[in-house]
Amino acid sequence: MDIYAEEIVAHYEHPHNKGKLDGANASFHEYNPICGDDITIYLNVVDGIIKDAKFEGTGCAISMGSASMLTDLLKGRKATEVMKMGPHDVVGMLGLDPGPARLKCAVLSLKATQSALKG
């Protein structure tokens, strides 16, 4: 198994930041009806900086692994920087290209994060 795929599976099996965030001041729920991935992102944003991030949800290894990795990455980042992120940033974070069919799974948590930040 590719080392990057192993990391995604590790985040899927032992997710970081999973659960509801007490004190969240931004959140958003996203659902992908094509594959059934379902995620809610919770953020604590103070003075334009993401202080904490968590998620709840169910889905495939790519969507849940990506959410775990993304919530790690978000902490301490400027909201404006996160709003500029795109699919290429998620692919870079994952370390592999999930392909066109699974890209929506991979970016679901980013989409939810950006929607939460828009308020």
N, C-alpha and C. Protein backbone atom coordinates (compact mmCIF):
# COMPACT_ATOMS: atom_id res chain seq x y z
N MET A 1 0.85 -1.18 0.00
CA MET A 1 0.00 0.00 0.00
C MET A 1 0.89 1.24 0.00
N ASP A 2 0.51 2.21 -0.77
CA ASP A 2 1.24 3.46 -0.86
C ASP A 2 1.24 4.15 0.51
N ILE A 3 2.36 4.79 0.85
CA ILE A 3 2.48 5.45 2.15
C ILE A 3 1.40 6.50 2.37
N TYR A 4 1.01 7.22 1.30
CA TYR A 4 -0.04 8.24 1.44
C TYR A 4 -1.39 7.59 1.67
N ALA A 5 -1.66 6.51 0.98
CA ALA A 5 -2.91 5.79 1.18
C ALA A 5 -2.97 5.25 2.61
N GLU A 6 -1.83 4.80 3.12
CA GLU A 6 -1.78 4.30 4.50
C GLU A 6 -2.13 5.42 5.48
N GLU A 7 -1.66 6.63 5.20
CA GLU A 7 -1.97 7.76 6.10
C GLU A 7 -3.46 8.08 6.07
N ILE A 8 -4.07 8.04 4.90
CA ILE A 8 -5.51 8.29 4.80
C ILE A 8 -6.29 7.24 5.59
N VAL A 9 -5.90 5.98 5.45
CA VAL A 9 -6.57 4.90 6.18
C VAL A 9 -6.36 5.07 7.69
N ALA A 10 -5.17 5.48 8.09
CA ALA A 10 -4.90 5.71 9.52
C ALA A 10 -5.80 6.82 10.07
N HIS A 11 -5.98 7.90 9.31
CA HIS A 11 -6.86 8.99 9.74
C HIS A 11 -8.32 8.54 9.73
N TYR A 12 -8.67 7.64 8.83
CA TYR A 12 -10.04 7.11 8.78
C TYR A 12 -10.31 6.22 10.00
N GLU A 13 -9.35 5.35 10.31
CA GLU A 13 -9.53 4.42 11.43
C GLU A 13 -9.37 5.08 12.79
N HIS A 14 -8.54 6.11 12.86
CA HIS A 14 -8.28 6.82 14.12
C HIS A 14 -8.32 8.32 13.84
N PRO A 15 -9.52 8.85 13.59
CA PRO A 15 -9.63 10.25 13.17
C PRO A 15 -9.21 11.24 14.26
N HIS A 16 -8.56 12.29 13.83
CA HIS A 16 -8.23 13.41 14.71
C HIS A 16 -9.41 14.37 14.70
N ASN A 17 -9.66 15.00 15.82
CA ASN A 17 -10.65 16.09 15.89
C ASN A 17 -12.07 15.67 15.58
N LYS A 18 -12.42 14.42 15.85
CA LYS A 18 -13.77 13.97 15.57
C LYS A 18 -14.65 14.23 16.79
N GLY A 19 -15.79 14.84 16.54
CA GLY A 19 -16.74 15.14 17.59
C GLY A 19 -17.21 16.57 17.46
N LYS A 20 -18.23 16.90 18.21
CA LYS A 20 -18.78 18.26 18.19
C LYS A 20 -17.85 19.17 19.00
N LEU A 21 -17.65 20.37 18.50
CA LEU A 21 -16.77 21.34 19.16
C LEU A 21 -17.60 22.24 20.06
N ASP A 22 -17.39 22.12 21.36
CA ASP A 22 -18.04 23.03 22.30
C ASP A 22 -17.48 24.43 22.07
N GLY A 23 -18.34 25.40 22.01
CA GLY A 23 -17.90 26.77 21.82
C GLY A 23 -17.66 27.15 20.37
N ALA A 24 -18.07 26.29 19.44
CA ALA A 24 -17.92 26.62 18.02
C ALA A 24 -18.74 27.86 17.70
N ASN A 25 -18.16 28.76 16.91
CA ASN A 25 -18.91 29.94 16.49
C ASN A 25 -19.16 29.95 14.98
N ALA A 26 -18.81 28.83 14.33
CA ALA A 26 -19.12 28.64 12.92
C ALA A 26 -19.25 27.14 12.67
N SER A 27 -20.22 26.77 11.87
CA SER A 27 -20.40 25.36 11.52
C SER A 27 -21.18 25.27 10.22
N PHE A 28 -21.04 24.12 9.56
CA PHE A 28 -21.80 23.89 8.34
C PHE A 28 -21.88 22.40 8.08
N HIS A 29 -23.04 21.98 7.59
CA HIS A 29 -23.29 20.57 7.26
C HIS A 29 -23.28 20.41 5.74
N GLU A 30 -22.57 19.41 5.26
CA GLU A 30 -22.53 19.08 3.83
C GLU A 30 -22.88 17.61 3.66
N TYR A 31 -23.54 17.32 2.55
CA TYR A 31 -23.92 15.94 2.23
C TYR A 31 -23.69 15.71 0.75
N ASN A 32 -23.09 14.60 0.42
CA ASN A 32 -22.89 14.23 -0.98
C ASN A 32 -23.87 13.09 -1.29
N PRO A 33 -24.98 13.40 -1.98
CA PRO A 33 -25.99 12.38 -2.24
C PRO A 33 -25.52 11.28 -3.18
N ILE A 34 -24.49 11.55 -3.95
CA ILE A 34 -24.01 10.54 -4.90
C ILE A 34 -23.40 9.34 -4.18
N CYS A 35 -22.61 9.63 -3.12
CA CYS A 35 -21.94 8.51 -2.44
C CYS A 35 -22.38 8.36 -0.98
N GLY A 36 -23.12 9.34 -0.46
CA GLY A 36 -23.62 9.23 0.91
C GLY A 36 -22.72 9.82 1.98
N ASP A 37 -21.61 10.45 1.58
CA ASP A 37 -20.74 11.10 2.57
C ASP A 37 -21.51 12.23 3.23
N ASP A 38 -21.38 12.33 4.56
CA ASP A 38 -22.14 13.28 5.35
C ASP A 38 -21.20 13.87 6.40
N ILE A 39 -21.06 15.19 6.43
CA ILE A 39 -20.10 15.80 7.35
C ILE A 39 -20.61 17.14 7.87
N THR A 40 -20.30 17.40 9.13
CA THR A 40 -20.51 18.71 9.72
C THR A 40 -19.17 19.18 10.25
N ILE A 41 -18.79 20.38 9.86
CA ILE A 41 -17.54 21.00 10.32
C ILE A 41 -17.90 22.02 11.39
N TYR A 42 -17.14 22.03 12.48
CA TYR A 42 -17.30 23.00 13.56
C TYR A 42 -15.99 23.78 13.69
N LEU A 43 -16.10 25.10 13.79
CA LEU A 43 -14.93 25.94 13.90
C LEU A 43 -15.07 26.93 15.05
N ASN A 44 -13.94 27.25 15.66
CA ASN A 44 -13.86 28.35 16.60
C ASN A 44 -12.91 29.35 15.97
N VAL A 45 -13.46 30.46 15.49
CA VAL A 45 -12.68 31.48 14.78
C VAL A 45 -12.62 32.73 15.66
N VAL A 46 -11.40 33.19 15.94
CA VAL A 46 -11.20 34.37 16.76
C VAL A 46 -10.29 35.33 16.00
N ASP A 47 -10.78 36.54 15.77
CA ASP A 47 -10.00 37.56 15.05
C ASP A 47 -9.46 37.06 13.73
N GLY A 48 -10.29 36.30 13.01
CA GLY A 48 -9.91 35.83 11.68
C GLY A 48 -8.97 34.64 11.66
N ILE A 49 -8.69 34.07 12.83
CA ILE A 49 -7.81 32.90 12.94
C ILE A 49 -8.63 31.70 13.43
N ILE A 50 -8.46 30.57 12.77
CA ILE A 50 -9.15 29.35 13.20
C ILE A 50 -8.38 28.77 14.39
N LYS A 51 -8.98 28.90 15.56
CA LYS A 51 -8.33 28.43 16.79
C LYS A 51 -8.53 26.94 17.02
N ASP A 52 -9.69 26.43 16.59
CA ASP A 52 -9.97 25.00 16.77
C ASP A 52 -10.93 24.55 15.68
N ALA A 53 -10.87 23.27 15.34
CA ALA A 53 -11.73 22.70 14.30
C ALA A 53 -12.00 21.24 14.64
N LYS A 54 -13.24 20.84 14.46
CA LYS A 54 -13.65 19.44 14.65
C LYS A 54 -14.68 19.09 13.59
N PHE A 55 -14.96 17.81 13.49
CA PHE A 55 -15.97 17.37 12.53
C PHE A 55 -16.73 16.18 13.07
N GLU A 56 -17.93 16.01 12.57
CA GLU A 56 -18.74 14.82 12.80
C GLU A 56 -19.18 14.34 11.43
N GLY A 57 -19.32 13.05 11.28
CA GLY A 57 -19.82 12.57 10.01
C GLY A 57 -19.57 11.10 9.77
N THR A 58 -20.06 10.68 8.63
CA THR A 58 -19.87 9.31 8.18
C THR A 58 -19.56 9.36 6.69
N GLY A 59 -18.82 8.37 6.24
CA GLY A 59 -18.51 8.31 4.83
C GLY A 59 -17.35 7.39 4.55
N CYS A 60 -16.86 7.49 3.34
CA CYS A 60 -15.77 6.63 2.89
C CYS A 60 -14.45 7.05 3.53
N ALA A 61 -13.44 6.23 3.34
CA ALA A 61 -12.12 6.50 3.91
C ALA A 61 -11.55 7.81 3.40
N ILE A 62 -11.78 8.13 2.14
CA ILE A 62 -11.23 9.37 1.60
C ILE A 62 -11.90 10.59 2.22
N SER A 63 -13.21 10.59 2.35
CA SER A 63 -13.89 11.77 2.91
C SER A 63 -13.58 11.94 4.39
N MET A 64 -13.60 10.86 5.15
CA MET A 64 -13.34 10.97 6.59
C MET A 64 -11.86 11.19 6.88
N GLY A 65 -10.99 10.54 6.11
CA GLY A 65 -9.55 10.76 6.26
C GLY A 65 -9.18 12.19 5.91
N SER A 66 -9.78 12.71 4.86
CA SER A 66 -9.54 14.09 4.44
C SER A 66 -10.03 15.06 5.52
N ALA A 67 -11.19 14.81 6.11
CA ALA A 67 -11.72 15.68 7.16
C ALA A 67 -10.78 15.69 8.37
N SER A 68 -10.28 14.53 8.75
CA SER A 68 -9.34 14.44 9.86
C SER A 68 -8.07 15.23 9.57
N MET A 69 -7.52 15.04 8.39
CA MET A 69 -6.29 15.74 8.01
C MET A 69 -6.53 17.25 7.89
N LEU A 70 -7.66 17.64 7.31
CA LEU A 70 -7.96 19.05 7.12
C LEU A 70 -8.13 19.76 8.46
N THR A 71 -8.84 19.15 9.40
CA THR A 71 -9.04 19.81 10.68
C THR A 71 -7.71 20.00 11.41
N ASP A 72 -6.77 19.09 11.23
CA ASP A 72 -5.41 19.30 11.77
C ASP A 72 -4.78 20.53 11.12
N LEU A 73 -4.90 20.61 9.81
CA LEU A 73 -4.28 21.68 9.03
C LEU A 73 -4.89 23.06 9.31
N LEU A 74 -6.17 23.10 9.63
CA LEU A 74 -6.87 24.37 9.81
C LEU A 74 -6.44 25.15 11.05
N LYS A 75 -6.06 24.46 12.09
CA LYS A 75 -5.77 25.11 13.37
C LYS A 75 -4.61 26.09 13.23
N GLY A 76 -4.89 27.34 13.58
CA GLY A 76 -3.89 28.39 13.52
C GLY A 76 -3.84 29.12 12.18
N ARG A 77 -4.63 28.68 11.22
CA ARG A 77 -4.63 29.33 9.89
C ARG A 77 -5.59 30.51 9.86
N LYS A 78 -5.24 31.47 9.02
CA LYS A 78 -6.13 32.60 8.78
C LYS A 78 -7.32 32.13 7.95
N ALA A 79 -8.50 32.60 8.31
CA ALA A 79 -9.71 32.24 7.56
C ALA A 79 -9.59 32.67 6.10
N THR A 80 -8.98 33.82 5.85
CA THR A 80 -8.83 34.30 4.47
C THR A 80 -7.97 33.35 3.65
N GLU A 81 -6.97 32.76 4.27
CA GLU A 81 -6.10 31.79 3.59
C GLU A 81 -6.89 30.53 3.24
N VAL A 82 -7.72 30.07 4.17
CA VAL A 82 -8.52 28.87 3.95
C VAL A 82 -9.55 29.09 2.85
N MET A 83 -10.08 30.30 2.77
CA MET A 83 -11.07 30.61 1.73
C MET A 83 -10.46 30.54 0.34
N LYS A 84 -9.16 30.68 0.23
CA LYS A 84 -8.48 30.62 -1.07
C LYS A 84 -8.08 29.20 -1.46
N MET A 85 -8.24 28.25 -0.56
CA MET A 85 -7.86 26.87 -0.85
C MET A 85 -8.81 26.26 -1.88
N GLY A 86 -8.28 25.34 -2.66
CA GLY A 86 -9.08 24.66 -3.67
C GLY A 86 -8.77 23.18 -3.69
N PRO A 87 -9.37 22.46 -4.63
CA PRO A 87 -9.15 21.01 -4.72
C PRO A 87 -7.68 20.63 -4.81
N HIS A 88 -6.86 21.44 -5.50
CA HIS A 88 -5.44 21.12 -5.62
C HIS A 88 -4.75 21.12 -4.26
N ASP A 89 -5.22 21.96 -3.33
CA ASP A 89 -4.64 21.98 -1.98
C ASP A 89 -4.99 20.70 -1.21
N VAL A 90 -6.21 20.21 -1.41
CA VAL A 90 -6.62 18.97 -0.75
C VAL A 90 -5.82 17.79 -1.32
N VAL A 91 -5.67 17.75 -2.64
CA VAL A 91 -4.89 16.69 -3.27
C VAL A 91 -3.45 16.72 -2.73
N GLY A 92 -2.89 17.93 -2.59
CA GLY A 92 -1.55 18.06 -2.03
C GLY A 92 -1.48 17.58 -0.59
N MET A 93 -2.50 17.90 0.19
CA MET A 93 -2.55 17.48 1.59
C MET A 93 -2.62 15.95 1.68
N LEU A 94 -3.43 15.35 0.81
CA LEU A 94 -3.58 13.90 0.82
C LEU A 94 -2.33 13.20 0.31
N GLY A 95 -1.61 13.87 -0.59
CA GLY A 95 -0.41 13.27 -1.15
C GLY A 95 -0.68 12.33 -2.30
N LEU A 96 -1.92 12.31 -2.76
CA LEU A 96 -2.27 11.48 -3.92
C LEU A 96 -3.50 12.06 -4.58
N ASP A 97 -3.65 11.75 -5.84
CA ASP A 97 -4.81 12.21 -6.60
C ASP A 97 -5.89 11.14 -6.50
N PRO A 98 -7.03 11.48 -5.87
CA PRO A 98 -8.08 10.47 -5.73
C PRO A 98 -8.82 10.17 -7.03
N GLY A 99 -8.53 10.93 -8.07
CA GLY A 99 -9.22 10.73 -9.35
C GLY A 99 -10.52 11.50 -9.37
N PRO A 100 -11.07 11.70 -10.56
CA PRO A 100 -12.26 12.54 -10.70
C PRO A 100 -13.48 11.99 -9.95
N ALA A 101 -13.62 10.70 -9.88
CA ALA A 101 -14.79 10.12 -9.21
C ALA A 101 -14.77 10.32 -7.71
N ARG A 102 -13.58 10.37 -7.11
CA ARG A 102 -13.48 10.49 -5.65
C ARG A 102 -13.06 11.87 -5.17
N LEU A 103 -12.83 12.80 -6.10
CA LEU A 103 -12.42 14.14 -5.73
C LEU A 103 -13.49 14.83 -4.87
N LYS A 104 -14.76 14.60 -5.20
CA LYS A 104 -15.84 15.20 -4.40
C LYS A 104 -15.81 14.70 -2.96
N CYS A 105 -15.45 13.45 -2.78
CA CYS A 105 -15.30 12.89 -1.43
C CYS A 105 -14.18 13.61 -0.69
N ALA A 106 -13.08 13.81 -1.38
CA ALA A 106 -11.89 14.41 -0.78
C ALA A 106 -12.11 15.87 -0.38
N VAL A 107 -12.88 16.61 -1.17
CA VAL A 107 -13.04 18.05 -0.92
C VAL A 107 -14.30 18.41 -0.13
N LEU A 108 -15.09 17.42 0.26
CA LEU A 108 -16.33 17.70 0.97
C LEU A 108 -16.08 18.49 2.26
N SER A 109 -15.06 18.13 3.01
CA SER A 109 -14.77 18.84 4.27
C SER A 109 -14.29 20.27 4.00
N LEU A 110 -13.54 20.49 2.95
CA LEU A 110 -13.12 21.84 2.60
C LEU A 110 -14.32 22.68 2.20
N LYS A 111 -15.21 22.11 1.43
CA LYS A 111 -16.43 22.81 1.01
C LYS A 111 -17.25 23.22 2.24
N ALA A 112 -17.39 22.31 3.20
CA ALA A 112 -18.14 22.61 4.42
C ALA A 112 -17.43 23.69 5.24
N THR A 113 -16.10 23.62 5.30
CA THR A 113 -15.32 24.61 6.05
C THR A 113 -15.50 25.99 5.45
N GLN A 114 -15.38 26.09 4.14
CA GLN A 114 -15.52 27.40 3.49
C GLN A 114 -16.94 27.95 3.64
N SER A 115 -17.93 27.09 3.60
CA SER A 115 -19.31 27.54 3.82
C SER A 115 -19.51 28.02 5.24
N ALA A 116 -18.90 27.34 6.21
CA ALA A 116 -18.98 27.76 7.62
C ALA A 116 -18.33 29.13 7.80
N LEU A 117 -17.20 29.35 7.14
CA LEU A 117 -16.50 30.62 7.26
C LEU A 117 -17.27 31.77 6.61
N LYS A 118 -18.05 31.46 5.58
CA LYS A 118 -18.86 32.50 4.92
C LYS A 118 -19.99 32.96 5.85
N GLY A 119 -20.37 32.06 6.76
CA GLY A 119 -21.41 32.40 7.72
C GLY A 119 -22.76 32.38 7.12
